[in-house]
Protein backbone atom coordinates (compact mmCIF):
# COMPACT_ATOMS: atom_id res chain seq x y z
CA MET A 1 -18.49 -10.36 7.91
CA ARG A 2 -21.37 -8.34 10.25
CA CYS A 3 -18.56 -6.10 12.17
CA ILE A 4 -17.05 -5.36 8.40
CA GLY A 5 -20.28 -4.87 7.18
CA PHE A 6 -21.56 -2.79 10.24
CA ALA A 7 -18.19 -0.42 9.49
CA ILE A 8 -18.87 -0.22 5.73
CA MET A 9 -22.46 0.90 6.06
CA THR A 10 -21.22 3.57 8.75
CA LEU A 11 -18.52 5.19 6.45
CA PHE A 12 -20.60 4.65 3.01
CA LEU A 13 -24.33 5.05 3.56
CA GLY A 14 -24.88 7.34 6.32
CA CYS A 15 -25.74 4.81 9.21
CA ASN A 16 -26.39 6.91 12.18
CA GLN A 17 -29.00 5.20 14.08
CA PRO A 18 -28.95 6.28 17.67
CA ASN A 19 -28.75 2.69 18.84
CA GLY A 20 -26.28 1.06 16.52
CA ASP A 21 -28.32 -1.29 14.97
CA ILE A 22 -28.33 -1.21 11.58
CA SER A 23 -30.94 -2.87 9.35
CA GLU A 24 -31.10 -5.72 7.04
CA ASP A 25 -31.36 -3.56 3.73
CA LYS A 26 -28.69 -1.46 4.41
CA PHE A 27 -26.13 -4.89 4.38
CA GLN A 28 -28.13 -5.69 1.14
CA LYS A 29 -26.70 -2.76 -0.82
CA LEU A 30 -23.13 -3.64 0.18
CA PHE A 31 -23.71 -7.37 -1.18
CA ASP A 32 -25.73 -5.94 -4.22
CA GLY A 33 -22.59 -4.51 -5.20
CA GLU A 34 -23.67 -0.87 -4.87
CA LEU A 35 -19.73 -0.16 -3.58
CA THR A 36 -17.06 -0.98 -6.37
CA ILE A 37 -14.27 -3.13 -4.87
CA ILE A 38 -10.90 -3.11 -6.20
CA ASP A 39 -7.95 -5.25 -5.45
CA LEU A 40 -5.30 -3.28 -5.01
CA THR A 41 -2.59 -6.20 -4.48
CA HIS A 42 -0.21 -8.09 -6.97
CA SER A 43 -0.57 -11.79 -7.02
CA LEU A 44 3.01 -12.79 -5.44
CA SER A 45 5.01 -15.30 -7.43
CA THR A 46 8.24 -16.75 -8.34
CA LYS A 47 7.91 -14.57 -11.60
CA SER A 48 7.48 -11.02 -9.56
CA PRO A 49 10.01 -8.00 -8.93
CA PHE A 50 11.50 -8.19 -6.41
CA TRP A 51 14.65 -6.55 -4.81
CA PRO A 52 18.01 -7.29 -6.19
CA ASN A 53 20.51 -9.21 -3.91
CA SER A 54 23.72 -10.94 -4.15
CA SER A 55 22.04 -14.49 -5.84
CA ASN A 56 20.22 -12.47 -7.88
CA GLN A 57 16.91 -14.65 -6.75
CA ASN A 58 13.54 -13.93 -5.92
CA SER A 59 13.05 -14.61 -1.95
CA PHE A 60 9.25 -16.21 -2.90
CA SER A 61 9.19 -19.81 -3.07
CA TYR A 62 6.46 -22.51 -2.89
CA THR A 63 6.09 -26.11 -3.46
CA PRO A 64 2.80 -28.23 -3.51
CA ILE A 65 2.27 -30.16 -0.28
CA SER A 66 -0.34 -32.11 -1.49
CA THR A 67 -2.13 -31.92 -5.32
CA HIS A 68 -5.34 -32.78 -6.97
CA PRO A 69 -5.38 -35.07 -10.35
CA SER A 70 -5.57 -32.03 -12.21
CA GLY A 71 -1.76 -30.89 -10.48
CA ALA A 72 -3.17 -28.44 -9.04
CA ALA A 73 -2.06 -27.79 -5.05
CA ALA A 74 -4.75 -28.87 -2.81
CA MET A 75 -2.15 -28.14 0.26
CA GLY A 76 1.39 -26.34 -0.08
CA SER A 77 4.02 -24.26 2.00
CA TYR A 78 5.77 -21.42 0.84
CA SER A 79 8.48 -19.29 1.76
CA THR A 80 9.17 -15.08 1.34
CA GLY A 81 10.69 -11.97 2.85
CA GLU A 82 8.79 -9.41 4.98
CA HIS A 83 9.27 -7.19 2.17
CA ASN A 84 8.74 -9.13 -0.94
CA GLY A 85 5.02 -8.17 -3.22
CA THR A 86 2.49 -6.24 -2.08
CA HIS A 87 3.67 -5.24 1.31
CA LEU A 88 3.47 -3.32 4.32
CA ASP A 89 5.94 -1.69 6.73
CA ALA A 90 5.46 -1.64 10.19
CA PRO A 91 6.72 1.57 11.86
CA ILE A 92 9.39 -0.78 13.46
CA HIS A 93 10.91 -1.46 10.03
CA PHE A 94 13.24 2.04 10.58
CA LYS A 95 12.66 3.05 13.92
CA ASP A 96 13.23 0.45 17.35
CA SER A 97 10.59 0.42 20.15
CA VAL A 98 7.76 1.44 17.99
CA ALA A 99 4.66 -0.70 16.68
CA SER A 100 5.52 -3.82 14.75
CA VAL A 101 3.17 -5.21 12.10
CA ASP A 102 0.88 -7.16 14.95
CA GLU A 103 0.85 -4.15 16.88
CA ILE A 104 -0.71 -1.58 14.86
CA PRO A 105 -4.13 -0.72 15.66
CA PRO A 106 -6.93 -2.12 13.68
CA SER A 107 -8.08 1.02 13.46
CA ASP A 108 -5.20 2.36 11.21
CA LEU A 109 -5.62 0.04 8.78
CA PHE A 110 -8.89 1.28 7.95
CA ALA A 111 -8.50 4.76 6.11
CA PRO A 112 -9.53 7.25 3.40
CA ALA A 113 -7.63 7.60 0.51
CA ALA A 114 -5.92 10.17 -0.82
CA VAL A 115 -4.74 9.48 -4.78
CA ILE A 116 -1.47 12.06 -5.95
CA ASP A 117 -1.31 11.53 -9.86
CA VAL A 118 2.39 12.26 -10.39
CA SER A 119 2.74 9.61 -13.36
CA ALA A 120 3.34 12.40 -16.15
CA LYS A 121 6.01 13.65 -14.27
CA CYS A 122 7.07 10.23 -13.68
CA SER A 123 7.48 8.81 -16.95
CA THR A 124 9.98 11.76 -17.85
CA ASN A 125 12.13 11.11 -14.96
CA SER A 126 12.52 7.95 -13.72
CA ASP A 127 14.29 9.29 -10.35
CA TYR A 128 10.78 11.76 -9.41
CA ARG A 129 10.18 12.75 -5.66
CA LEU A 130 6.94 13.89 -4.67
CA THR A 131 7.45 17.14 -3.60
CA VAL A 132 5.50 19.12 -0.95
CA GLU A 133 4.16 21.26 -3.95
CA ASP A 134 2.49 18.41 -5.28
CA ILE A 135 0.99 17.55 -2.25
CA LYS A 136 -0.34 21.47 -2.20
CA GLU A 137 -1.40 21.32 -5.68
CA TRP A 138 -3.95 17.87 -4.80
CA GLU A 139 -5.49 19.96 -1.43
CA ASP A 140 -5.93 22.90 -4.05
CA ARG A 141 -8.28 20.76 -6.40
CA ASN A 142 -9.53 18.38 -3.43
CA GLY A 143 -9.75 20.67 -0.08
CA THR A 144 -7.34 20.17 2.58
CA LEU A 145 -6.00 16.40 3.31
CA PRO A 146 -8.67 14.75 5.29
CA LYS A 147 -7.73 13.03 9.27
CA GLY A 148 -6.30 9.58 9.37
CA VAL A 149 -5.34 9.67 5.74
CA VAL A 150 -3.47 7.13 3.60
CA VAL A 151 -1.41 9.28 0.87
CA LEU A 152 -0.81 7.40 -2.08
CA MET A 153 1.70 8.17 -4.52
CA TYR A 154 0.58 7.07 -8.24
CA THR A 155 3.82 7.21 -10.40
CA GLY A 156 2.14 4.46 -13.53
CA TRP A 157 5.35 1.67 -12.19
CA SER A 158 2.94 -0.44 -11.47
CA LYS A 159 2.01 -1.24 -15.15
CA LYS A 160 6.05 -2.34 -15.47
CA TRP A 161 5.18 -5.27 -12.73
CA ASP A 162 5.19 -8.12 -15.43
CA ASP A 163 8.50 -6.65 -16.57
CA PRO A 164 11.08 -7.50 -13.47
CA GLU A 165 13.88 -5.46 -15.46
CA ALA A 166 12.16 -2.52 -16.30
CA TYR A 167 10.44 -2.48 -12.81
CA ARG A 168 13.79 -2.33 -11.20
CA ASN A 169 15.17 -0.19 -14.08
CA GLN A 170 18.91 -0.96 -13.32
CA ASP A 171 21.82 0.95 -14.67
CA GLU A 172 24.64 -0.50 -16.00
CA PHE A 173 26.41 -0.44 -12.53
CA GLY A 174 23.14 -2.10 -10.89
CA LYS A 175 21.96 1.13 -9.74
CA MET A 176 17.83 1.38 -9.88
CA HIS A 177 16.04 4.26 -10.94
CA PHE A 178 12.20 4.58 -9.70
CA PRO A 179 10.05 7.47 -7.97
CA GLY A 180 9.88 8.12 -4.40
CA PHE A 181 8.95 10.29 -1.64
CA SER A 182 10.99 13.19 -0.84
CA VAL A 183 11.93 13.88 2.52
CA GLU A 184 10.15 16.90 2.27
CA ALA A 185 7.18 15.73 1.56
CA ASN A 186 7.29 13.13 4.18
CA GLN A 187 8.15 15.34 6.87
CA PHE A 188 5.18 17.37 5.99
CA LEU A 189 2.93 15.21 5.93
CA VAL A 190 3.87 13.56 9.85
CA ASN A 191 4.10 17.23 11.21
CA GLU A 192 1.37 19.40 9.36
CA ARG A 193 -1.26 16.75 8.58
CA ALA A 194 -2.44 13.96 10.26
CA ILE A 195 -1.76 10.78 8.27
CA LYS A 196 -2.19 7.41 9.07
CA GLY A 197 0.53 6.18 6.59
CA ILE A 198 1.60 6.24 2.48
CA GLY A 199 1.88 4.01 0.02
CA ILE A 200 3.23 3.90 -4.20
CA ASP A 201 2.83 1.32 -6.60
CA ASN A 202 6.90 0.60 -6.58
CA LEU A 203 9.37 -1.34 -4.76
CA SER A 204 9.57 1.80 -1.69
CA ILE A 205 9.08 4.73 -1.14
CA ASP A 206 12.16 5.96 -1.26
CA TYR A 207 13.71 6.55 -4.82
CA GLY A 208 15.60 3.88 -6.70
CA LEU A 209 18.89 6.08 -5.96
CA SER A 210 18.43 6.42 -2.76
CA THR A 211 20.95 4.90 -0.19
CA SER A 212 20.06 5.82 3.58
CA PHE A 213 16.28 5.31 3.06
CA ASP A 214 15.78 8.73 4.94
CA ALA A 215 12.08 8.96 3.52
CA HIS A 216 11.44 5.87 5.57
CA GLY A 217 13.01 7.33 8.50
CA VAL A 218 10.66 10.03 8.56
CA THR A 219 7.39 8.50 8.50
CA ASN A 220 8.26 5.02 10.37
CA GLY A 221 9.62 6.93 13.03
CA ALA A 222 7.07 8.99 13.56
CA GLY A 223 4.98 5.58 13.75
CA LYS A 224 3.36 5.53 10.47
CA TYR A 225 3.43 2.45 8.05
CA HIS A 226 4.31 2.16 4.34
CA LEU A 227 2.26 0.16 1.73
CA GLU A 228 4.67 -0.83 -1.16
CA ASN A 229 3.93 -2.58 -4.54
CA VAL A 230 0.51 -1.44 -4.57
CA ALA A 231 -1.49 -2.32 -7.63
CA ASN A 232 -4.37 -0.87 -9.69
CA LEU A 233 -3.84 3.05 -8.52
CA HIS A 234 -5.25 4.16 -12.04
CA LEU A 235 -8.11 2.73 -11.06
CA LEU A 236 -8.86 5.32 -7.92
CA PRO A 237 -10.15 8.91 -7.60
CA GLN A 238 -7.93 11.46 -6.39
CA LYS A 239 -10.57 11.43 -3.18
CA GLY A 240 -13.40 9.40 -1.98
CA ALA A 241 -11.71 5.76 -2.33
CA TYR A 242 -11.69 4.18 1.53
CA LEU A 243 -8.80 1.82 1.86
CA ILE A 244 -8.98 -1.64 4.30
CA SER A 245 -5.45 -2.93 4.46
CA ALA A 246 -4.68 -6.41 6.01
CA PRO A 247 -1.28 -7.50 6.70
CA ILE A 248 0.03 -10.91 7.92
CA LYS A 249 -0.15 -10.79 11.71
CA ILE A 250 3.49 -11.68 12.40
CA GLU A 251 4.43 -11.34 15.85
CA GLY A 252 7.25 -9.21 16.08
CA GLY A 253 7.28 -8.60 12.02
CA SER A 254 8.87 -5.49 10.86
CA GLY A 255 6.39 -5.72 8.02
CA GLY A 256 4.67 -8.07 5.86
CA GLN A 257 2.22 -9.54 2.81
CA VAL A 258 -0.56 -6.98 2.37
CA ARG A 259 -3.77 -7.73 0.94
CA ILE A 260 -5.28 -4.23 0.41
CA PHE A 261 -9.12 -3.59 -1.19
CA ALA A 262 -10.15 -0.23 -2.03
CA LEU A 263 -14.23 0.46 -1.36
CA ILE A 264 -15.63 3.44 -3.94
CA PRO A 265 -18.96 4.17 -2.77
């Protein structure tokens, strides 16, 4: 807790003491609630939206091993795919010989957030893809994307989370329709900006109609991670929030469920 507190204080409360010490009163500011902490994680359950499969069954299951008199689980076991629910795509998800989820440096999981709100465009075009122009419009308002940022595309899709059919938005041919990043936007972010990763509030950083997942290939291929099925992006400012992303540490894993917190000073 003190290690986490030190990192947060340094970032938000201007701790510049030359010997690295931090006073108790600055810890107290954290614990007194002077930082707003927002959970960007959906609860994972059998009712959660999931990627379509041949059996049309959610890959998440939970089995109580022992229970309290009330019936609540005292211990349980669960099974799920790495890319179910709010999760992180490690770079190895779409490129060989790059970092698996357990190999991502912890420093990469602490990052400033830039929230690009394209929810109005997505409300009229479910196949919308983030453009380089969208990114530059954000920079016109907020300045150049900071070094080490995670760029979050806010589509408004997470509001459909409790309705899996609306969230997947499949047409009569089974093809899904939801927004995502364009290849050009991802190329710009990895080549022209020093990002740590990207994220989105729906099933995939590639739009729903994609079959080749080229946007994945660009960012994962450049060693960057993705956050998918992110919750509560509507509660974040366009800039100024700081992310703590804590994925499950699966040895050699291509990704895994992640708990994401946004800190707002």
